[in-house]
N, C-alpha and C. Protein backbone atom coordinates (compact mmCIF):
# COMPACT_ATOMS: atom_id res chain seq x y z
N MET A 1 103.86 97.51 73.42
CA MET A 1 103.07 96.48 74.01
C MET A 1 101.79 96.98 74.49
N LEU A 2 100.70 96.22 74.19
CA LEU A 2 99.34 96.54 74.54
C LEU A 2 98.86 95.72 75.69
N LEU A 3 98.68 96.30 76.91
CA LEU A 3 98.03 95.60 77.94
C LEU A 3 96.59 95.46 77.69
N MET A 4 95.97 94.45 78.35
CA MET A 4 94.53 94.24 78.13
C MET A 4 93.79 94.75 79.40
N VAL A 5 94.48 94.90 80.50
CA VAL A 5 93.87 95.33 81.76
C VAL A 5 94.86 96.24 82.53
N ALA A 6 94.17 97.33 83.10
CA ALA A 6 95.10 98.24 83.85
C ALA A 6 94.24 98.64 85.10
N ARG A 7 94.98 98.92 86.17
CA ARG A 7 94.21 99.37 87.40
C ARG A 7 94.96 100.48 88.09
N VAL A 8 94.14 101.58 88.39
CA VAL A 8 94.67 102.75 89.00
C VAL A 8 93.88 102.96 90.26
N MET A 9 94.51 103.33 91.38
CA MET A 9 93.87 103.55 92.62
C MET A 9 93.64 105.06 92.88
N THR A 10 92.42 105.37 93.39
CA THR A 10 92.13 106.70 93.71
C THR A 10 91.20 106.72 95.02
N VAL A 11 90.70 107.78 95.44
CA VAL A 11 89.90 107.89 96.64
C VAL A 11 88.56 108.67 96.37
N ALA A 12 87.54 108.15 96.94
CA ALA A 12 86.20 108.80 96.91
C ALA A 12 86.00 109.47 98.13
N PRO A 13 85.82 110.82 98.09
CA PRO A 13 85.53 111.60 99.40
C PRO A 13 84.17 111.22 99.81
N ILE A 14 84.10 110.84 101.15
CA ILE A 14 82.71 110.46 101.69
C ILE A 14 82.64 111.18 103.04
N GLY A 15 82.02 112.37 103.10
CA GLY A 15 81.97 113.14 104.38
C GLY A 15 83.44 113.52 104.71
N PHE A 16 83.77 113.23 105.97
CA PHE A 16 85.16 113.57 106.42
C PHE A 16 86.15 112.50 106.15
N ASP A 17 85.64 111.36 105.58
CA ASP A 17 86.43 110.21 105.33
C ASP A 17 86.62 109.99 103.87
N GLY A 18 87.32 109.07 103.46
CA GLY A 18 87.52 108.63 102.05
C GLY A 18 87.52 107.12 101.95
N SER A 19 87.20 106.69 100.77
CA SER A 19 87.17 105.24 100.53
C SER A 19 87.96 104.97 99.28
N ILE A 20 88.79 103.93 99.29
CA ILE A 20 89.62 103.53 98.05
C ILE A 20 88.71 103.11 96.94
N ILE A 21 89.02 103.66 95.72
CA ILE A 21 88.35 103.30 94.49
C ILE A 21 89.32 102.72 93.58
N GLU A 22 89.00 101.64 92.93
CA GLU A 22 89.87 101.08 91.95
C GLU A 22 89.30 101.40 90.59
N VAL A 23 90.04 102.01 89.75
CA VAL A 23 89.64 102.33 88.38
C VAL A 23 90.25 101.35 87.49
N GLU A 24 89.41 100.37 87.06
CA GLU A 24 89.96 99.28 86.31
C GLU A 24 89.66 99.53 84.84
N SER A 25 90.63 99.26 83.93
CA SER A 25 90.36 99.60 82.49
C SER A 25 90.69 98.29 81.69
N ASP A 26 89.80 98.08 80.62
CA ASP A 26 89.96 97.00 79.80
C ASP A 26 89.79 97.45 78.34
N ALA A 27 90.69 96.94 77.49
CA ALA A 27 90.65 97.37 76.04
C ALA A 27 90.48 96.11 75.26
N THR A 28 89.50 96.15 74.31
CA THR A 28 89.28 95.05 73.52
C THR A 28 89.18 95.52 71.96
N ASN A 29 89.25 94.69 71.13
CA ASN A 29 88.97 94.91 69.72
C ASN A 29 87.55 95.23 69.42
N GLY A 30 87.23 96.07 68.58
CA GLY A 30 85.82 96.41 68.35
C GLY A 30 85.72 97.87 67.88
N LEU A 31 84.49 98.33 67.79
CA LEU A 31 84.22 99.71 67.48
C LEU A 31 84.76 100.64 68.59
N PRO A 32 85.53 101.70 68.30
CA PRO A 32 86.09 102.49 69.35
C PRO A 32 84.93 103.10 70.14
N SER A 33 85.04 102.93 71.46
CA SER A 33 84.04 103.48 72.36
C SER A 33 84.59 103.52 73.77
N LEU A 34 84.02 104.27 74.65
CA LEU A 34 84.35 104.33 76.06
C LEU A 34 83.18 104.08 76.92
N GLN A 35 83.12 103.12 77.70
CA GLN A 35 81.97 102.74 78.58
C GLN A 35 82.44 102.79 79.97
N ILE A 36 81.77 103.67 80.91
CA ILE A 36 82.12 103.72 82.30
C ILE A 36 81.04 103.19 83.13
N VAL A 37 81.36 102.17 84.03
CA VAL A 37 80.33 101.50 84.81
C VAL A 37 80.82 101.57 86.26
N GLY A 38 79.90 101.47 87.21
CA GLY A 38 80.24 101.58 88.62
C GLY A 38 79.57 102.57 89.44
N LEU A 39 78.39 102.85 89.27
CA LEU A 39 77.49 103.79 89.97
C LEU A 39 78.05 105.14 89.90
N GLY A 40 78.30 105.65 88.75
CA GLY A 40 78.72 107.10 88.54
C GLY A 40 77.54 107.95 88.15
N ASN A 41 77.69 109.18 88.54
CA ASN A 41 76.61 110.19 88.10
C ASN A 41 76.82 110.78 86.78
N LYS A 42 76.04 111.91 86.53
CA LYS A 42 76.25 112.65 85.31
C LYS A 42 77.70 113.08 85.00
N ALA A 43 78.33 113.57 86.10
CA ALA A 43 79.70 114.15 85.88
C ALA A 43 80.69 113.07 85.49
N ILE A 44 80.47 111.84 85.95
CA ILE A 44 81.25 110.64 85.46
C ILE A 44 81.03 110.36 84.09
N ASP A 45 79.74 110.39 83.71
CA ASP A 45 79.36 110.19 82.31
C ASP A 45 80.00 111.14 81.36
N GLU A 46 80.05 112.37 81.84
CA GLU A 46 80.68 113.42 80.96
C GLU A 46 82.21 113.33 80.88
N ALA A 47 82.81 112.46 81.77
CA ALA A 47 84.26 112.36 81.79
C ALA A 47 84.75 111.75 80.46
N LYS A 48 83.91 111.08 79.78
CA LYS A 48 84.32 110.46 78.53
C LYS A 48 84.92 111.50 77.65
N GLU A 49 84.13 112.60 77.42
CA GLU A 49 84.55 113.58 76.41
C GLU A 49 85.76 114.42 77.06
N ARG A 50 85.72 114.72 78.39
CA ARG A 50 86.79 115.52 78.93
C ARG A 50 88.17 114.68 78.81
N VAL A 51 88.07 113.38 79.12
CA VAL A 51 89.33 112.53 79.12
C VAL A 51 89.80 112.37 77.71
N ARG A 52 88.92 112.15 76.70
CA ARG A 52 89.28 112.04 75.34
C ARG A 52 89.99 113.38 74.82
N SER A 53 89.42 114.46 75.15
CA SER A 53 89.93 115.75 74.79
C SER A 53 91.34 116.03 75.47
N ALA A 54 91.47 115.69 76.75
CA ALA A 54 92.72 115.85 77.46
C ALA A 54 93.82 114.98 76.84
N ILE A 55 93.55 113.78 76.59
CA ILE A 55 94.57 112.86 76.00
C ILE A 55 95.04 113.39 74.65
N THR A 56 94.10 113.73 73.83
CA THR A 56 94.41 114.18 72.48
C THR A 56 95.18 115.50 72.55
N ASN A 57 94.78 116.41 73.44
CA ASN A 57 95.44 117.68 73.50
C ASN A 57 96.83 117.64 74.14
N SER A 58 97.04 116.52 74.87
CA SER A 58 98.39 116.29 75.36
C SER A 58 99.37 115.67 74.41
N LEU A 59 98.98 115.63 73.15
CA LEU A 59 99.72 115.00 72.09
C LEU A 59 100.01 113.51 72.38
N LEU A 60 99.13 112.82 72.95
CA LEU A 60 99.08 111.43 73.18
C LEU A 60 98.03 110.79 72.21
N ASP A 61 98.18 109.54 71.96
CA ASP A 61 97.19 108.89 71.22
C ASP A 61 96.07 108.22 71.99
N TYR A 62 94.83 108.64 71.62
CA TYR A 62 93.64 108.06 72.20
C TYR A 62 93.36 106.75 71.46
N PRO A 63 93.32 105.57 72.26
CA PRO A 63 93.32 104.28 71.63
C PRO A 63 92.06 104.12 70.84
N LYS A 64 92.18 103.44 69.61
CA LYS A 64 91.03 103.09 68.80
C LYS A 64 90.58 101.67 69.15
N LYS A 65 90.09 101.58 70.39
CA LYS A 65 89.64 100.25 70.91
C LYS A 65 88.38 100.45 71.71
N ARG A 66 87.75 99.36 71.95
CA ARG A 66 86.51 99.33 72.87
C ARG A 66 87.14 99.35 74.30
N ILE A 67 86.88 100.46 74.94
CA ILE A 67 87.39 100.55 76.36
C ILE A 67 86.30 100.55 77.32
N THR A 68 86.53 99.66 78.44
CA THR A 68 85.52 99.69 79.48
C THR A 68 86.24 100.07 80.74
N ILE A 69 85.72 101.15 81.44
CA ILE A 69 86.24 101.56 82.65
C ILE A 69 85.29 101.05 83.86
N ASN A 70 85.84 100.44 84.84
CA ASN A 70 85.04 99.96 86.00
C ASN A 70 85.55 100.72 87.17
N LEU A 71 84.62 101.38 87.90
CA LEU A 71 84.87 102.01 89.10
C LEU A 71 84.35 101.21 90.26
N ALA A 72 85.29 100.64 91.08
CA ALA A 72 84.97 99.58 92.03
C ALA A 72 85.37 100.15 93.40
N PRO A 73 84.60 99.90 94.42
CA PRO A 73 83.41 99.00 94.49
C PRO A 73 82.19 99.74 93.93
N ALA A 74 81.34 99.02 93.26
CA ALA A 74 80.13 99.60 92.64
C ALA A 74 79.14 100.15 93.57
N GLU A 75 79.05 99.66 94.84
CA GLU A 75 78.06 100.13 95.75
C GLU A 75 78.21 101.58 96.27
N LEU A 76 79.48 102.09 96.11
CA LEU A 76 79.73 103.49 96.62
C LEU A 76 79.34 104.47 95.41
N PRO A 77 78.58 105.48 95.72
CA PRO A 77 78.26 106.52 94.75
C PRO A 77 79.53 107.28 94.44
N LYS A 78 79.69 107.62 93.13
CA LYS A 78 80.81 108.43 92.70
C LYS A 78 80.34 109.54 91.83
N ASP A 79 80.83 110.79 92.22
CA ASP A 79 80.53 111.98 91.48
C ASP A 79 81.56 112.85 91.44
N GLY A 80 81.57 113.79 90.55
CA GLY A 80 82.63 114.81 90.42
C GLY A 80 83.68 114.55 89.32
N ALA A 81 84.33 115.53 89.00
CA ALA A 81 85.32 115.49 87.85
C ALA A 81 86.66 115.01 88.34
N HIS A 82 86.84 114.78 89.70
CA HIS A 82 88.17 114.39 90.16
C HIS A 82 88.56 112.93 89.74
N TYR A 83 87.64 112.25 89.13
CA TYR A 83 87.98 110.78 88.65
C TYR A 83 88.55 110.90 87.19
N ASP A 84 88.58 112.12 86.61
CA ASP A 84 89.07 112.23 85.26
C ASP A 84 90.56 111.82 85.11
N VAL A 85 91.42 112.27 86.04
CA VAL A 85 92.77 111.92 85.93
C VAL A 85 93.04 110.37 86.11
N PRO A 86 92.47 109.70 87.05
CA PRO A 86 92.69 108.23 87.24
C PRO A 86 92.02 107.53 85.96
N ILE A 87 90.95 107.99 85.41
CA ILE A 87 90.42 107.36 84.26
C ILE A 87 91.41 107.51 83.02
N ALA A 88 91.92 108.71 82.89
CA ALA A 88 92.94 108.99 81.82
C ALA A 88 94.25 108.08 81.95
N LEU A 89 94.71 107.98 83.22
CA LEU A 89 95.83 107.18 83.52
C LEU A 89 95.54 105.71 83.21
N ALA A 90 94.40 105.25 83.52
CA ALA A 90 94.06 103.79 83.28
C ALA A 90 94.02 103.57 81.73
N ILE A 91 93.46 104.55 81.00
CA ILE A 91 93.41 104.45 79.52
C ILE A 91 94.85 104.40 78.91
N LEU A 92 95.67 105.34 79.42
CA LEU A 92 96.99 105.47 78.95
C LEU A 92 97.82 104.13 79.24
N CYS A 93 97.52 103.49 80.44
CA CYS A 93 98.25 102.31 80.76
C CYS A 93 97.70 101.17 79.94
N VAL A 94 96.45 100.97 79.81
CA VAL A 94 95.91 99.90 79.01
C VAL A 94 96.34 100.02 77.49
N SER A 95 96.58 101.17 77.07
CA SER A 95 96.91 101.34 75.62
C SER A 95 98.48 101.22 75.49
N GLY A 96 99.18 101.03 76.58
CA GLY A 96 100.65 100.84 76.42
C GLY A 96 101.48 102.13 76.40
N GLN A 97 100.83 103.31 76.63
CA GLN A 97 101.54 104.47 76.53
C GLN A 97 102.24 104.92 77.90
N LEU A 98 101.68 104.30 78.93
CA LEU A 98 102.31 104.47 80.30
C LEU A 98 102.62 103.05 80.79
N GLN A 99 103.62 102.81 81.53
CA GLN A 99 104.01 101.56 82.12
C GLN A 99 103.48 101.53 83.48
N GLN A 100 102.74 100.43 83.84
CA GLN A 100 102.21 100.30 85.06
C GLN A 100 103.08 99.39 85.90
N LYS A 101 103.42 99.73 87.21
CA LYS A 101 104.23 98.93 88.06
C LYS A 101 103.44 98.20 89.18
């Protein structure tokens, strides 16, 4: 079963506090690609290759879909590689390889 939308919750560290970040994933037909939106820096942009490699090397199927990842809320700056796991989980959920509850 292929979901069309998946959402994973994570946290953005901001000083001594944190803020909830929703990692929303959408998969549609089209040329295979991964687009990440939501005020991410260069490390977030590089997550595309890290996540693709991690999913493939875990013997899971990287979906051949047009995938859009939204990191919400957009007004909070997001940086660092700690978003890789939530992004990978969102992709696996939207492709039907993990079941979201």
